[in-house]
């Protein structure tokens, strides 16, 4: 059993790949966002109930038959205590270490996973962020990650972040990624880590979304010298197109909630990875839109079916309401139903203009559950505690289908075990 510490957990997208009870034991999740922590506790409860063959109780909760308080009260404290709702700072490190040590109870830590918040490194809004760079503590959160590596001396670590980290410059003008890799390679305690780093597109690994992410993988040299990304190559998979992914989802109008699957049978990919038998549909919630936006949605979705994106400045004049129509020209964008989605990001929590449903007749932005499917969260994954919070958690997450590939590659290649799916 490989014991894992989960840092900067978010809702648990990367975590999900390490929830196989045959191989992994999650000791702790550390996350500062309250709603994401609530989601993590509910997911920990789900796996506890699954092991106990009591998932009906879980389904009662996610369908609103019992309250959150009633639900959590039935879950052992040691399960919910895995979630540590604290930001990782100089002031909180001692408490976080203490709580992890209590959970570990002397057990060896085999792996540390996670990636600090990516907003500081993102190319989106970089000019604005550069002006605040000297005050942005998020830039150096990786140094706390290193403190966890030094304290727990794991066999391996997985550090995930955005593509923008590759081009991000530190205050002295040098590439921050070079500093990070150098520091990872020279961990003080008990031997160095062999470091592999690569920009990976999750669509190469079964995720129906063009989502590029930077992965840094470190392994102790005593466990071999193999290349982590060569291991990943074994698990490449072509994902379904979005229209297939949504085949069994109900038709929804803007402003509606429809938690009833359609009569169409889901494709094999969905039955294998997303929707398991007897799982009730939840959180298929759609935003309400004004008449002007809906007219724009209709135009943008129709053009996307012709494989064309619509610039804001090209819309009919009567639909252009923003004074600066010559900037943010791609502010409205439809998802490609005949291919993979563009990247789902946390901005989806603010509005759905960039995620218009491919079906022109539905004329709306995607629902929470549809966004979760594009990110490959299973349908039984429940996001706390509001629609906005759910969208934010989904947008910030590592796609679980990709994280499972990471977990499988580690089990089979680093430890030489035959991976079995539960």
Protein backbone atom coordinates (compact mmCIF):
# COMPACT_ATOMS: atom_id res chain seq x y z
CA UNK A 1 0.00 0.00 0.00
CA UNK A 2 1.44 3.35 -1.09
CA UNK A 3 0.76 6.20 1.32
CA UNK A 4 0.08 9.56 -0.35
CA UNK A 5 -0.02 13.20 0.80
CA UNK A 6 -2.18 15.42 -1.38
CA UNK A 7 -1.17 19.13 -1.47
CA UNK A 8 -3.10 22.05 -2.98
CA UNK A 9 -5.85 19.49 -3.50
CA UNK A 10 -8.68 21.60 -4.94
CA UNK A 11 -11.76 19.42 -5.37
CA UNK A 12 -9.59 16.36 -5.87
CA UNK A 13 -9.12 15.86 -9.63
CA UNK A 14 -5.51 14.72 -9.29
CA UNK A 15 -6.47 12.95 -6.08
CA UNK A 16 -9.01 10.79 -7.90
CA UNK A 17 -6.27 8.88 -9.71
CA UNK A 18 -4.85 7.79 -6.36
CA UNK A 19 -8.09 6.51 -4.82
CA UNK A 20 -7.61 2.88 -5.79
CA UNK A 21 -7.70 1.10 -2.39
CA UNK A 22 -5.67 -1.85 -3.71
CA UNK A 23 -2.61 0.33 -4.14
CA UNK A 24 -3.01 3.76 -2.51
CA UNK A 25 -3.84 5.13 0.91
CA UNK A 26 -4.48 8.87 1.08
CA UNK A 27 -3.13 10.19 4.37
CA UNK A 28 -4.15 13.83 4.01
CA UNK A 29 -5.46 16.50 1.64
CA UNK A 30 -4.26 20.06 2.24
CA UNK A 31 -6.43 22.77 0.68
CA UNK A 32 -7.27 26.36 1.63
CA UNK A 33 -10.63 26.74 -0.16
CA UNK A 34 -13.55 25.96 2.15
CA UNK A 35 -15.97 24.72 -0.53
CA UNK A 36 -13.30 22.49 -2.11
CA UNK A 37 -12.57 20.99 1.32
CA UNK A 38 -16.24 20.24 1.77
CA UNK A 39 -16.15 18.46 -1.60
CA UNK A 40 -13.09 16.47 -0.55
CA UNK A 41 -14.78 15.33 2.67
CA UNK A 42 -17.85 14.21 0.76
CA UNK A 43 -15.64 12.29 -1.68
CA UNK A 44 -13.73 10.64 1.16
CA UNK A 45 -17.12 9.68 2.60
CA UNK A 46 -18.16 8.25 -0.77
CA UNK A 47 -15.16 5.88 -0.82
CA UNK A 48 -15.74 4.88 2.79
CA UNK A 49 -19.37 4.04 2.03
CA UNK A 50 -18.43 2.25 -1.17
CA UNK A 51 -16.06 0.01 0.78
CA UNK A 52 -18.84 -0.59 3.31
CA UNK A 53 -21.40 -1.32 0.56
CA UNK A 54 -23.60 1.54 1.79
CA UNK A 55 -23.72 3.83 -1.24
CA UNK A 56 -27.50 4.21 -0.99
CA UNK A 57 -26.83 6.53 1.94
CA UNK A 58 -24.52 8.60 -0.27
CA UNK A 59 -27.12 8.75 -3.02
CA UNK A 60 -29.69 9.96 -0.49
CA UNK A 61 -27.40 12.87 0.27
CA UNK A 62 -26.52 13.95 -3.26
CA UNK A 63 -30.19 13.82 -4.29
CA UNK A 64 -31.22 16.00 -1.33
CA UNK A 65 -33.06 13.41 0.75
CA UNK A 66 -30.87 14.07 3.78
CA UNK A 67 -28.89 17.12 4.86
CA UNK A 68 -25.13 17.53 4.80
CA UNK A 69 -25.09 17.50 8.60
CA UNK A 70 -27.04 14.23 8.72
CA UNK A 71 -24.74 12.72 6.12
CA UNK A 72 -21.40 13.67 7.65
CA UNK A 73 -22.53 12.68 11.14
CA UNK A 74 -22.57 9.04 9.99
CA UNK A 75 -18.99 9.11 8.67
CA UNK A 76 -16.14 8.19 11.07
CA UNK A 77 -14.07 11.16 12.22
CA UNK A 78 -10.83 9.58 10.99
CA UNK A 79 -12.20 9.72 7.44
CA UNK A 80 -13.17 13.40 7.48
CA UNK A 81 -9.98 14.33 9.42
CA UNK A 82 -7.93 13.62 6.32
CA UNK A 83 -8.98 17.02 4.94
CA UNK A 84 -6.87 19.88 6.30
CA UNK A 85 -8.55 23.20 5.47
CA UNK A 86 -5.52 25.50 5.69
CA UNK A 87 -3.48 27.57 3.31
CA UNK A 88 0.14 26.45 3.13
CA UNK A 89 2.15 29.28 4.68
CA UNK A 90 5.07 29.76 7.05
CA UNK A 91 2.57 30.22 9.89
CA UNK A 92 0.59 27.04 9.21
CA UNK A 93 3.34 24.54 8.34
CA UNK A 94 3.81 23.23 11.88
CA UNK A 95 0.10 22.58 12.31
CA UNK A 96 -0.17 20.89 8.91
CA UNK A 97 2.83 18.67 9.63
CA UNK A 98 1.38 17.75 13.02
CA UNK A 99 -1.99 16.78 11.58
CA UNK A 100 -0.41 14.74 8.78
CA UNK A 101 1.83 12.98 11.30
CA UNK A 102 -1.22 12.10 13.40
CA UNK A 103 -2.95 10.60 10.36
CA UNK A 104 0.19 8.74 9.25
CA UNK A 105 0.77 7.29 12.71
CA UNK A 106 4.34 6.34 11.88
CA UNK A 107 3.67 5.01 8.37
CA UNK A 108 6.10 5.81 5.55
CA UNK A 109 5.00 8.41 3.00
CA UNK A 110 5.58 6.98 -0.48
CA UNK A 111 4.35 9.85 -2.63
CA UNK A 112 3.41 13.53 -2.59
CA UNK A 113 1.10 14.91 -5.29
CA UNK A 114 -0.31 18.32 -6.15
CA UNK A 115 0.45 21.64 -7.71
CA UNK A 116 0.20 25.15 -6.26
CA UNK A 117 -2.41 27.61 -7.60
CA UNK A 118 -1.64 28.33 -11.24
CA UNK A 119 -3.04 31.87 -11.55
CA UNK A 120 0.33 33.46 -10.75
CA UNK A 121 1.96 31.71 -13.72
CA UNK A 122 -0.90 31.87 -16.20
CA UNK A 123 -0.41 33.71 -19.48
CA UNK A 124 -3.96 35.04 -19.07
CA UNK A 125 -3.70 38.42 -17.36
CA UNK A 126 0.09 38.19 -17.20
CA UNK A 127 0.63 41.92 -17.78
CA UNK A 128 -1.56 42.69 -14.78
CA UNK A 129 0.10 39.99 -12.68
CA UNK A 130 3.58 41.26 -13.60
CA UNK A 131 2.79 44.58 -11.97
CA UNK A 132 2.03 42.76 -8.71
CA UNK A 133 4.78 40.16 -8.98
CA UNK A 134 6.85 41.44 -6.07
CA UNK A 135 3.86 41.03 -3.71
CA UNK A 136 2.47 37.76 -5.12
CA UNK A 137 3.32 35.05 -2.60
CA UNK A 138 1.72 32.37 -4.82
CA UNK A 139 4.80 32.46 -7.07
CA UNK A 140 6.94 30.79 -4.40
CA UNK A 141 4.50 28.24 -3.00
CA UNK A 142 6.64 25.56 -4.64
CA UNK A 143 9.20 26.19 -1.88
CA UNK A 144 6.71 24.88 0.68
CA UNK A 145 6.21 21.83 -1.55
CA UNK A 146 9.96 21.25 -1.21
CA UNK A 147 9.66 21.45 2.58
CA UNK A 148 7.17 18.57 2.45
CA UNK A 149 9.60 16.57 0.31
CA UNK A 150 12.44 17.25 2.74
CA UNK A 151 10.38 16.26 5.77
CA UNK A 152 8.70 13.12 4.42
CA UNK A 153 11.33 11.91 1.92
CA UNK A 154 8.82 10.16 -0.39
CA UNK A 155 9.79 7.76 -3.17
CA UNK A 156 8.18 10.02 -5.77
CA UNK A 157 6.30 13.24 -6.30
CA UNK A 158 3.93 14.63 -8.95
CA UNK A 159 3.93 18.40 -9.38
CA UNK A 160 1.32 19.77 -11.82
CA UNK A 161 0.88 23.27 -13.20
CA UNK A 162 -0.02 25.36 -16.24
CA UNK A 163 1.90 25.77 -19.48
CA UNK A 164 2.61 29.39 -18.53
CA UNK A 165 5.13 28.28 -15.90
CA UNK A 166 7.54 27.43 -18.74
CA UNK A 167 7.77 31.07 -19.81
CA UNK A 168 7.28 32.76 -16.43
CA UNK A 169 10.20 34.95 -15.37
CA UNK A 170 11.21 35.65 -11.78
CA UNK A 171 11.89 39.16 -10.46
CA UNK A 172 15.52 38.92 -11.59
CA UNK A 173 14.47 38.16 -15.16
CA UNK A 174 15.46 34.47 -15.11
CA UNK A 175 13.11 31.58 -15.90
CA UNK A 176 11.41 30.42 -12.71
CA UNK A 177 11.06 26.86 -14.06
CA UNK A 178 14.85 26.50 -14.15
CA UNK A 179 15.06 27.49 -10.48
CA UNK A 180 12.27 25.07 -9.54
CA UNK A 181 13.86 22.14 -11.37
CA UNK A 182 17.25 22.90 -9.81
CA UNK A 183 15.77 23.01 -6.32
CA UNK A 184 13.80 19.80 -6.91
CA UNK A 185 16.99 18.09 -8.08
CA UNK A 186 18.86 19.13 -4.95
CA UNK A 187 16.53 18.19 -2.11
CA UNK A 188 18.69 18.13 1.01
CA UNK A 189 17.45 15.07 2.78
CA UNK A 190 18.62 11.51 2.02
CA UNK A 191 19.40 11.46 -1.66
CA UNK A 192 18.49 13.34 -4.81
CA UNK A 193 15.47 12.99 -7.06
CA UNK A 194 15.70 12.17 -10.74
CA UNK A 195 13.46 14.75 -12.41
CA UNK A 196 11.36 14.32 -15.57
CA UNK A 197 9.43 17.31 -16.92
CA UNK A 198 7.11 17.63 -19.89
CA UNK A 199 4.17 19.59 -21.24
CA UNK A 200 1.37 17.06 -21.72
CA UNK A 201 -1.92 17.38 -23.59
CA UNK A 202 -4.55 15.45 -21.66
CA UNK A 203 -6.43 14.70 -24.89
CA UNK A 204 -3.65 12.21 -25.70
CA UNK A 205 -4.73 10.20 -22.65
CA UNK A 206 -8.47 9.83 -23.12
CA UNK A 207 -9.64 13.28 -21.94
CA UNK A 208 -12.10 14.89 -24.44
CA UNK A 209 -10.46 18.27 -24.01
CA UNK A 210 -7.41 20.04 -25.40
CA UNK A 211 -5.81 20.70 -22.03
CA UNK A 212 -2.07 21.23 -21.83
CA UNK A 213 -0.49 20.83 -18.42
CA UNK A 214 3.08 20.88 -17.20
CA UNK A 215 3.98 17.77 -15.22
CA UNK A 216 7.14 17.50 -13.11
CA UNK A 217 7.79 13.97 -11.86
CA UNK A 218 10.48 13.17 -9.33
CA UNK A 219 11.64 9.70 -8.32
CA UNK A 220 14.35 8.43 -6.03
CA UNK A 221 17.21 6.96 -8.03
CA UNK A 222 17.14 3.78 -5.93
CA UNK A 223 13.85 2.90 -7.64
CA UNK A 224 15.36 2.92 -11.11
CA UNK A 225 16.15 5.35 -13.89
CA UNK A 226 13.15 4.96 -16.20
CA UNK A 227 11.52 7.98 -17.83
CA UNK A 228 8.07 8.74 -16.41
CA UNK A 229 6.77 10.10 -19.70
CA UNK A 230 7.82 6.96 -21.54
CA UNK A 231 5.70 5.09 -19.04
CA UNK A 232 2.74 7.33 -19.82
CA UNK A 233 3.09 6.59 -23.54
CA UNK A 234 1.84 3.05 -22.84
CA UNK A 235 -1.54 4.43 -21.81
CA UNK A 236 -2.36 6.75 -24.70
CA UNK A 237 -6.03 6.69 -25.63
CA UNK A 238 -8.28 8.49 -28.11
CA UNK A 239 -11.13 10.23 -26.24
CA UNK A 240 -14.70 10.46 -27.49
CA UNK A 241 -16.00 13.59 -29.18
CA UNK A 242 -18.17 15.85 -27.05
CA UNK A 243 -21.45 14.94 -28.78
CA UNK A 244 -20.81 11.29 -27.89
CA UNK A 245 -19.81 12.21 -24.35
CA UNK A 246 -23.14 14.03 -23.91
CA UNK A 247 -25.30 11.45 -25.73
CA UNK A 248 -27.17 10.25 -22.63
CA UNK A 249 -27.49 13.69 -21.06
CA UNK A 250 -30.94 15.32 -21.00
CA UNK A 251 -31.84 18.33 -23.09
CA UNK A 252 -31.88 21.44 -20.92
CA UNK A 253 -32.99 25.02 -21.47
CA UNK A 254 -31.16 28.01 -20.03
CA UNK A 255 -31.96 28.52 -16.35
CA UNK A 256 -33.17 24.95 -15.88
CA UNK A 257 -32.06 21.97 -13.81
CA UNK A 258 -32.75 18.53 -15.27
CA UNK A 259 -31.41 15.58 -13.30
CA UNK A 260 -32.88 12.81 -15.41
CA UNK A 261 -30.78 10.96 -17.96
CA UNK A 262 -32.12 10.75 -21.50
CA UNK A 263 -33.42 7.48 -22.95
CA UNK A 264 -30.32 7.19 -25.17
CA UNK A 265 -27.74 4.66 -24.07
CA UNK A 266 -24.38 6.08 -23.03
CA UNK A 267 -21.33 5.21 -25.11
CA UNK A 268 -18.87 2.61 -23.80
CA UNK A 269 -16.40 5.28 -22.66
CA UNK A 270 -19.08 6.81 -20.42
CA UNK A 271 -20.21 3.49 -18.92
CA UNK A 272 -16.61 2.53 -18.26
CA UNK A 273 -15.33 5.84 -16.86
CA UNK A 274 -18.14 8.28 -16.08
CA UNK A 275 -21.56 6.81 -15.36
CA UNK A 276 -21.89 3.64 -13.30
CA UNK A 277 -25.08 1.66 -12.94
CA UNK A 278 -27.76 3.02 -10.57
CA UNK A 279 -25.99 6.36 -10.05
CA UNK A 280 -28.57 9.19 -9.96
CA UNK A 281 -27.97 12.24 -12.14
CA UNK A 282 -27.13 15.36 -10.13
CA UNK A 283 -25.99 18.95 -10.59
CA UNK A 284 -27.16 19.20 -14.19
CA UNK A 285 -27.72 22.90 -13.54
CA UNK A 286 -27.71 25.55 -16.27
CA UNK A 287 -27.30 29.30 -15.92
CA UNK A 288 -30.01 31.74 -16.91
CA UNK A 289 -29.12 34.15 -19.72
CA UNK A 290 -30.57 37.38 -21.02
CA UNK A 291 -32.16 37.65 -24.47
CA UNK A 292 -29.16 39.42 -26.02
CA UNK A 293 -26.70 36.74 -24.93
CA UNK A 294 -28.98 33.98 -26.18
CA UNK A 295 -29.08 35.57 -29.62
CA UNK A 296 -25.30 35.63 -29.62
CA UNK A 297 -25.13 32.01 -28.40
CA UNK A 298 -27.30 30.91 -31.31
CA UNK A 299 -25.03 32.59 -33.87
CA UNK A 300 -21.82 31.32 -32.27
CA UNK A 301 -23.07 27.72 -31.97
CA UNK A 302 -24.27 27.65 -35.59
CA UNK A 303 -20.93 28.91 -36.84
CA UNK A 304 -19.05 26.41 -34.68
CA UNK A 305 -20.91 23.62 -36.45
CA UNK A 306 -19.20 24.93 -39.60
CA UNK A 307 -15.90 24.84 -37.70
CA UNK A 308 -15.76 28.64 -37.48
CA UNK A 309 -15.28 30.84 -34.39
CA UNK A 310 -17.09 34.17 -34.24
CA UNK A 311 -15.24 37.35 -33.26
CA UNK A 312 -17.17 39.73 -31.04
CA UNK A 313 -16.63 42.54 -33.55
CA UNK A 314 -18.27 40.42 -36.29
CA UNK A 315 -21.59 40.08 -34.47
CA UNK A 316 -24.61 42.06 -35.70
CA UNK A 317 -24.25 45.63 -34.46
CA UNK A 318 -27.44 45.52 -32.42
CA UNK A 319 -26.02 42.66 -30.32
CA UNK A 320 -22.73 44.42 -29.46
CA UNK A 321 -23.21 45.99 -26.03
CA UNK A 322 -19.62 46.41 -24.86
CA UNK A 323 -18.01 49.76 -25.61
CA UNK A 324 -14.62 48.22 -26.39
CA UNK A 325 -15.61 45.85 -29.15
CA UNK A 326 -12.07 45.65 -30.50
CA UNK A 327 -10.64 43.71 -27.55
CA UNK A 328 -11.47 40.28 -26.10
CA UNK A 329 -12.71 39.30 -29.53
CA UNK A 330 -13.14 35.65 -28.50
CA UNK A 331 -15.33 36.39 -25.46
CA UNK A 332 -18.05 34.10 -26.88
CA UNK A 333 -17.08 30.57 -27.90
CA UNK A 334 -18.99 27.35 -28.51
CA UNK A 335 -17.68 23.90 -27.67
CA UNK A 336 -16.87 21.73 -30.67
CA UNK A 337 -19.40 18.90 -30.51
CA UNK A 338 -17.69 17.07 -33.37
CA UNK A 339 -14.32 17.10 -31.65
CA UNK A 340 -12.77 17.78 -28.25
CA UNK A 341 -13.58 20.74 -26.05
CA UNK A 342 -11.20 23.65 -25.60
CA UNK A 343 -9.75 23.97 -22.08
CA UNK A 344 -12.20 24.28 -19.20
CA UNK A 345 -10.82 26.92 -16.82
CA UNK A 346 -12.03 28.48 -13.58
CA UNK A 347 -13.44 31.51 -15.42
CA UNK A 348 -16.46 29.33 -16.19
CA UNK A 349 -17.52 30.18 -12.62
CA UNK A 350 -18.06 33.80 -13.71
CA UNK A 351 -20.04 33.24 -16.91
CA UNK A 352 -20.67 30.60 -19.54
CA UNK A 353 -19.98 32.72 -22.64
CA UNK A 354 -16.84 30.75 -23.46
CA UNK A 355 -18.60 27.39 -23.07
CA UNK A 356 -21.69 27.47 -25.24
CA UNK A 357 -23.37 24.09 -25.72
CA UNK A 358 -22.78 22.62 -29.20
CA UNK A 359 -26.50 21.90 -29.71
CA UNK A 360 -27.98 25.07 -31.24
CA UNK A 361 -31.51 24.00 -30.30
CA UNK A 362 -30.65 23.97 -26.59
CA UNK A 363 -29.10 27.45 -26.96
CA UNK A 364 -27.31 27.77 -23.62
CA UNK A 365 -24.00 27.38 -21.86
CA UNK A 366 -23.00 24.00 -20.48
CA UNK A 367 -24.24 22.73 -17.13
CA UNK A 368 -22.15 21.89 -14.08
CA UNK A 369 -22.44 18.18 -14.85
CA UNK A 370 -21.52 18.64 -18.51
CA UNK A 371 -18.43 20.62 -17.51
CA UNK A 372 -17.56 17.85 -15.05
CA UNK A 373 -17.90 15.25 -17.82
CA UNK A 374 -15.56 17.17 -20.12
CA UNK A 375 -13.09 17.14 -17.23
CA UNK A 376 -13.84 13.36 -16.86
CA UNK A 377 -15.19 13.55 -13.32
CA UNK A 378 -17.49 10.57 -12.75
CA UNK A 379 -21.19 11.34 -12.48
CA UNK A 380 -21.17 10.22 -8.83
CA UNK A 381 -18.73 13.02 -7.96
CA UNK A 382 -20.56 15.74 -6.02
CA UNK A 383 -19.27 19.33 -5.86
CA UNK A 384 -19.95 21.56 -2.86
CA UNK A 385 -21.44 24.01 -2.14
CA UNK A 386 -22.92 26.26 -4.85
CA UNK A 387 -23.11 26.31 -8.63
CA UNK A 388 -20.39 28.97 -8.79
CA UNK A 389 -18.13 27.04 -6.40
CA UNK A 390 -18.70 23.84 -8.39
CA UNK A 391 -17.71 25.49 -11.69
CA UNK A 392 -14.58 26.94 -10.08
CA UNK A 393 -13.54 23.56 -8.67
CA UNK A 394 -14.11 21.84 -12.00
CA UNK A 395 -12.17 24.47 -13.95
CA UNK A 396 -9.17 24.28 -11.61
CA UNK A 397 -8.95 20.50 -11.55
CA UNK A 398 -6.68 17.94 -13.14
CA UNK A 399 -8.91 15.62 -15.22
CA UNK A 400 -9.40 12.45 -13.14
CA UNK A 401 -9.07 10.20 -16.21
CA UNK A 402 -5.57 11.57 -16.75
CA UNK A 403 -4.70 11.35 -13.06
CA UNK A 404 -5.63 7.65 -13.12
CA UNK A 405 -3.12 7.17 -15.92
CA UNK A 406 -0.48 8.81 -13.72
CA UNK A 407 -1.35 6.51 -10.81
CA UNK A 408 -1.30 3.44 -13.03
CA UNK A 409 2.07 4.36 -14.56
CA UNK A 410 3.58 4.75 -11.08
CA UNK A 411 2.23 1.43 -9.80
CA UNK A 412 3.32 -0.60 -12.81
CA UNK A 413 6.65 1.01 -13.66
CA UNK A 414 8.03 2.41 -10.42
CA UNK A 415 6.95 -0.51 -8.25
CA UNK A 416 6.57 -3.29 -10.82
CA UNK A 417 3.04 -4.24 -9.75
CA UNK A 418 0.12 -5.26 -11.98
CA UNK A 419 -2.47 -2.51 -11.77
CA UNK A 420 -6.05 -3.63 -11.13
CA UNK A 421 -9.08 -1.35 -11.29
CA UNK A 422 -11.63 -1.58 -8.47
